[in-house]
């Protein structure tokens, strides 16, 4: 199953599958262009995460394969092992 990893200043966040990545990217760009702002997103485990983004903060969006569950496996409890992502 594919998921999006968001890396901010070296810290990885795995986005919930229902995340609208293009909207989150637009929010991140607006925050930086505006001199800084807080953006909110939901992580893969259902946690809501708030991050202060400002100019000079490194942000990386990356689509990766998530090896711990298959595309047709709906039995996941949402937990994952970060070591499975090979970063």
N, C-alpha and C. Protein backbone atom coordinates (compact mmCIF):
# COMPACT_ATOMS: atom_id res chain seq x y z
N UNK A 1 0.85 -1.17 0.00
CA UNK A 1 0.00 0.00 0.00
C UNK A 1 0.89 1.23 0.00
N UNK A 2 0.53 2.23 -0.77
CA UNK A 2 1.30 3.47 -0.80
C UNK A 2 0.81 4.42 0.28
N UNK A 3 1.75 5.16 0.82
CA UNK A 3 1.43 6.19 1.80
C UNK A 3 2.35 7.38 1.54
N UNK A 4 2.03 8.49 2.12
CA UNK A 4 2.87 9.68 1.98
C UNK A 4 3.60 9.94 3.28
N UNK A 5 4.91 10.06 3.15
CA UNK A 5 5.75 10.42 4.30
C UNK A 5 6.03 11.91 4.19
N UNK A 6 5.79 12.62 5.26
CA UNK A 6 6.08 14.04 5.36
C UNK A 6 7.27 14.18 6.30
N UNK A 7 8.36 14.73 5.79
CA UNK A 7 9.55 14.93 6.62
C UNK A 7 9.74 16.42 6.84
N UNK A 8 9.74 16.82 8.11
CA UNK A 8 9.92 18.22 8.48
C UNK A 8 11.12 18.29 9.42
N UNK A 9 12.15 18.99 8.96
CA UNK A 9 13.36 19.15 9.77
C UNK A 9 13.89 17.81 10.28
N UNK A 10 13.85 16.80 9.42
CA UNK A 10 14.39 15.49 9.76
C UNK A 10 13.46 14.57 10.51
N UNK A 11 12.28 15.02 10.88
CA UNK A 11 11.33 14.17 11.59
C UNK A 11 10.28 13.68 10.60
N UNK A 12 10.02 12.37 10.62
CA UNK A 12 9.07 11.77 9.69
C UNK A 12 7.68 11.67 10.28
N UNK A 13 6.68 11.96 9.43
CA UNK A 13 5.28 11.80 9.77
C UNK A 13 4.65 11.03 8.61
N UNK A 14 3.92 9.97 8.91
CA UNK A 14 3.23 9.19 7.89
C UNK A 14 1.77 9.63 7.88
N UNK A 15 1.32 10.13 6.73
CA UNK A 15 -0.01 10.72 6.64
C UNK A 15 -1.09 9.66 6.52
N UNK A 16 -2.24 9.97 7.11
CA UNK A 16 -3.41 9.09 7.01
C UNK A 16 -3.79 8.96 5.53
N UNK A 17 -4.28 7.79 5.12
CA UNK A 17 -4.61 7.56 3.71
C UNK A 17 -5.59 8.57 3.12
N UNK A 18 -6.48 9.10 3.94
CA UNK A 18 -7.49 10.03 3.43
C UNK A 18 -6.98 11.47 3.31
N UNK A 19 -5.71 11.70 3.66
CA UNK A 19 -5.14 13.05 3.58
C UNK A 19 -5.14 13.54 2.14
N UNK A 20 -5.59 14.76 1.96
CA UNK A 20 -5.55 15.41 0.65
C UNK A 20 -4.19 16.09 0.55
N UNK A 21 -3.23 15.36 0.00
CA UNK A 21 -1.84 15.80 -0.01
C UNK A 21 -1.67 17.12 -0.76
N UNK A 22 -2.36 17.29 -1.88
CA UNK A 22 -2.22 18.55 -2.63
C UNK A 22 -2.68 19.74 -1.80
N UNK A 23 -3.75 19.56 -1.01
CA UNK A 23 -4.22 20.64 -0.14
C UNK A 23 -3.21 20.92 0.98
N UNK A 24 -2.62 19.85 1.52
CA UNK A 24 -1.63 20.03 2.58
C UNK A 24 -0.40 20.75 2.04
N UNK A 25 0.01 20.40 0.81
CA UNK A 25 1.14 21.11 0.19
C UNK A 25 0.80 22.59 0.02
N UNK A 26 -0.39 22.89 -0.44
CA UNK A 26 -0.81 24.29 -0.61
C UNK A 26 -0.81 25.02 0.74
N UNK A 27 -1.27 24.35 1.80
CA UNK A 27 -1.24 24.95 3.14
C UNK A 27 0.19 25.24 3.58
N UNK A 28 1.10 24.30 3.29
CA UNK A 28 2.51 24.48 3.67
C UNK A 28 3.12 25.66 2.92
N UNK A 29 2.84 25.75 1.63
CA UNK A 29 3.37 26.86 0.83
C UNK A 29 2.82 28.19 1.34
N UNK A 30 1.53 28.24 1.63
CA UNK A 30 0.92 29.48 2.13
C UNK A 30 1.53 29.88 3.47
N UNK A 31 1.78 28.89 4.34
CA UNK A 31 2.38 29.19 5.64
C UNK A 31 3.76 29.80 5.48
N UNK A 32 4.56 29.23 4.59
CA UNK A 32 5.91 29.74 4.39
C UNK A 32 5.88 31.12 3.72
N UNK A 33 5.07 31.26 2.70
CA UNK A 33 4.99 32.56 2.00
C UNK A 33 4.45 33.66 2.91
N UNK A 34 3.64 33.28 3.89
CA UNK A 34 3.08 34.26 4.81
C UNK A 34 4.00 34.58 5.98
N UNK A 35 5.19 34.01 5.99
CA UNK A 35 6.15 34.28 7.06
C UNK A 35 6.09 33.29 8.19
N UNK A 36 5.16 32.32 8.11
CA UNK A 36 5.05 31.27 9.13
C UNK A 36 3.62 31.12 9.59
N UNK A 37 3.23 29.89 9.84
CA UNK A 37 1.89 29.60 10.34
C UNK A 37 1.85 28.14 10.79
N UNK A 38 0.81 27.80 11.49
CA UNK A 38 0.61 26.42 11.93
C UNK A 38 -0.24 25.69 10.91
N UNK A 39 0.20 24.49 10.54
CA UNK A 39 -0.62 23.62 9.70
C UNK A 39 -0.96 22.38 10.51
N UNK A 40 -2.12 21.83 10.25
CA UNK A 40 -2.60 20.63 10.94
C UNK A 40 -2.77 19.52 9.92
N UNK A 41 -2.47 18.29 10.34
CA UNK A 41 -2.72 17.12 9.50
C UNK A 41 -2.90 15.92 10.41
N UNK A 42 -3.44 14.86 9.84
CA UNK A 42 -3.69 13.63 10.60
C UNK A 42 -2.66 12.59 10.20
N UNK A 43 -2.02 12.03 11.20
CA UNK A 43 -1.04 10.97 10.97
C UNK A 43 -1.72 9.63 10.75
N UNK A 44 -0.94 8.66 10.36
CA UNK A 44 -1.45 7.34 10.00
C UNK A 44 -2.15 6.65 11.18
N UNK A 45 -1.78 6.98 12.40
CA UNK A 45 -2.41 6.37 13.56
C UNK A 45 -3.62 7.15 14.06
N UNK A 46 -4.02 8.18 13.30
CA UNK A 46 -5.20 8.95 13.67
C UNK A 46 -4.91 10.15 14.55
N UNK A 47 -3.65 10.36 14.89
CA UNK A 47 -3.28 11.52 15.71
C UNK A 47 -3.34 12.79 14.87
N UNK A 48 -3.90 13.85 15.42
CA UNK A 48 -3.86 15.15 14.76
C UNK A 48 -2.57 15.84 15.19
N UNK A 49 -1.81 16.28 14.20
CA UNK A 49 -0.50 16.87 14.44
C UNK A 49 -0.54 18.31 13.95
N UNK A 50 -0.03 19.22 14.78
CA UNK A 50 0.08 20.64 14.42
C UNK A 50 1.55 21.01 14.38
N UNK A 51 1.96 21.62 13.27
CA UNK A 51 3.36 21.98 13.07
C UNK A 51 3.44 23.45 12.70
N UNK A 52 4.38 24.17 13.30
CA UNK A 52 4.65 25.54 12.90
C UNK A 52 5.65 25.52 11.76
N UNK A 53 5.22 25.97 10.59
CA UNK A 53 6.11 26.06 9.43
C UNK A 53 6.46 27.52 9.20
N UNK A 54 7.73 27.75 8.89
CA UNK A 54 8.18 29.11 8.61
C UNK A 54 9.27 29.04 7.54
N UNK A 55 9.60 30.17 6.94
CA UNK A 55 10.66 30.16 5.94
C UNK A 55 11.95 29.56 6.51
N UNK A 56 12.60 28.76 5.70
CA UNK A 56 13.84 28.12 6.13
C UNK A 56 13.66 26.73 6.70
N UNK A 57 12.41 26.30 6.92
CA UNK A 57 12.15 24.95 7.44
C UNK A 57 12.09 23.99 6.25
N UNK A 58 12.89 22.94 6.31
CA UNK A 58 12.91 21.96 5.24
C UNK A 58 11.72 21.01 5.35
N UNK A 59 10.96 20.89 4.24
CA UNK A 59 9.78 20.03 4.21
C UNK A 59 9.89 19.14 2.97
N UNK A 60 9.67 17.83 3.15
CA UNK A 60 9.74 16.87 2.06
C UNK A 60 8.48 16.02 2.07
N UNK A 61 7.79 15.95 0.94
CA UNK A 61 6.67 15.04 0.76
C UNK A 61 7.18 13.89 -0.10
N UNK A 62 6.96 12.65 0.33
CA UNK A 62 7.44 11.50 -0.43
C UNK A 62 6.40 10.40 -0.40
N UNK A 63 6.04 9.88 -1.57
CA UNK A 63 5.12 8.75 -1.65
C UNK A 63 5.96 7.48 -1.63
N UNK A 64 5.64 6.59 -0.68
CA UNK A 64 6.42 5.36 -0.52
C UNK A 64 5.49 4.17 -0.40
N UNK A 65 6.04 2.98 -0.65
CA UNK A 65 5.31 1.74 -0.42
C UNK A 65 5.33 1.46 1.06
N UNK A 66 4.21 1.04 1.56
CA UNK A 66 4.08 0.67 2.97
C UNK A 66 4.03 -0.85 3.05
N UNK A 67 5.14 -1.49 3.41
CA UNK A 67 5.23 -2.94 3.31
C UNK A 67 4.44 -3.74 4.36
N UNK A 68 3.99 -3.07 5.41
CA UNK A 68 3.36 -3.83 6.50
C UNK A 68 1.93 -4.25 6.21
N UNK A 69 1.27 -3.68 5.21
CA UNK A 69 -0.07 -4.13 4.83
C UNK A 69 -0.20 -4.08 3.31
N UNK A 70 -0.98 -5.00 2.78
CA UNK A 70 -1.23 -5.03 1.34
C UNK A 70 -2.38 -4.09 1.01
N UNK A 71 -2.50 -3.73 -0.28
CA UNK A 71 -3.58 -2.84 -0.70
C UNK A 71 -4.96 -3.37 -0.36
N UNK A 72 -5.12 -4.69 -0.39
CA UNK A 72 -6.44 -5.26 -0.14
C UNK A 72 -6.63 -5.72 1.31
N UNK A 73 -5.70 -5.41 2.18
CA UNK A 73 -5.77 -5.82 3.58
C UNK A 73 -6.39 -4.69 4.39
N UNK A 74 -7.62 -4.88 4.84
CA UNK A 74 -8.28 -3.84 5.64
C UNK A 74 -8.28 -4.17 7.12
N UNK A 75 -7.41 -5.10 7.53
CA UNK A 75 -7.40 -5.52 8.92
C UNK A 75 -6.40 -4.75 9.77
N UNK A 76 -5.69 -3.79 9.18
CA UNK A 76 -4.69 -3.04 9.92
C UNK A 76 -5.34 -2.24 11.05
N UNK A 77 -4.64 -2.20 12.18
CA UNK A 77 -5.14 -1.39 13.30
C UNK A 77 -4.56 0.02 13.26
N UNK A 78 -3.82 0.34 12.19
CA UNK A 78 -3.26 1.68 12.05
C UNK A 78 -1.87 1.83 12.63
N UNK A 79 -1.38 0.83 13.36
CA UNK A 79 -0.04 0.92 13.92
C UNK A 79 0.97 0.42 12.90
N UNK A 80 2.18 0.93 13.01
CA UNK A 80 3.22 0.56 12.07
C UNK A 80 4.55 0.58 12.78
N UNK A 81 5.52 -0.04 12.14
CA UNK A 81 6.88 -0.03 12.64
C UNK A 81 7.68 0.88 11.72
N UNK A 82 8.18 2.02 12.18
CA UNK A 82 8.90 2.95 11.32
C UNK A 82 10.10 2.29 10.62
N UNK A 83 10.66 1.24 11.20
CA UNK A 83 11.79 0.56 10.57
C UNK A 83 11.39 -0.14 9.27
N UNK A 84 10.09 -0.40 9.10
CA UNK A 84 9.61 -1.06 7.89
C UNK A 84 9.68 -0.14 6.68
N UNK A 85 9.87 1.15 6.87
CA UNK A 85 9.81 2.10 5.77
C UNK A 85 11.16 2.35 5.12
N UNK A 86 12.21 1.80 5.63
CA UNK A 86 13.51 1.91 5.02
C UNK A 86 14.01 3.32 4.79
N UNK A 87 13.99 4.14 5.82
CA UNK A 87 14.50 5.50 5.65
C UNK A 87 15.83 5.65 6.23
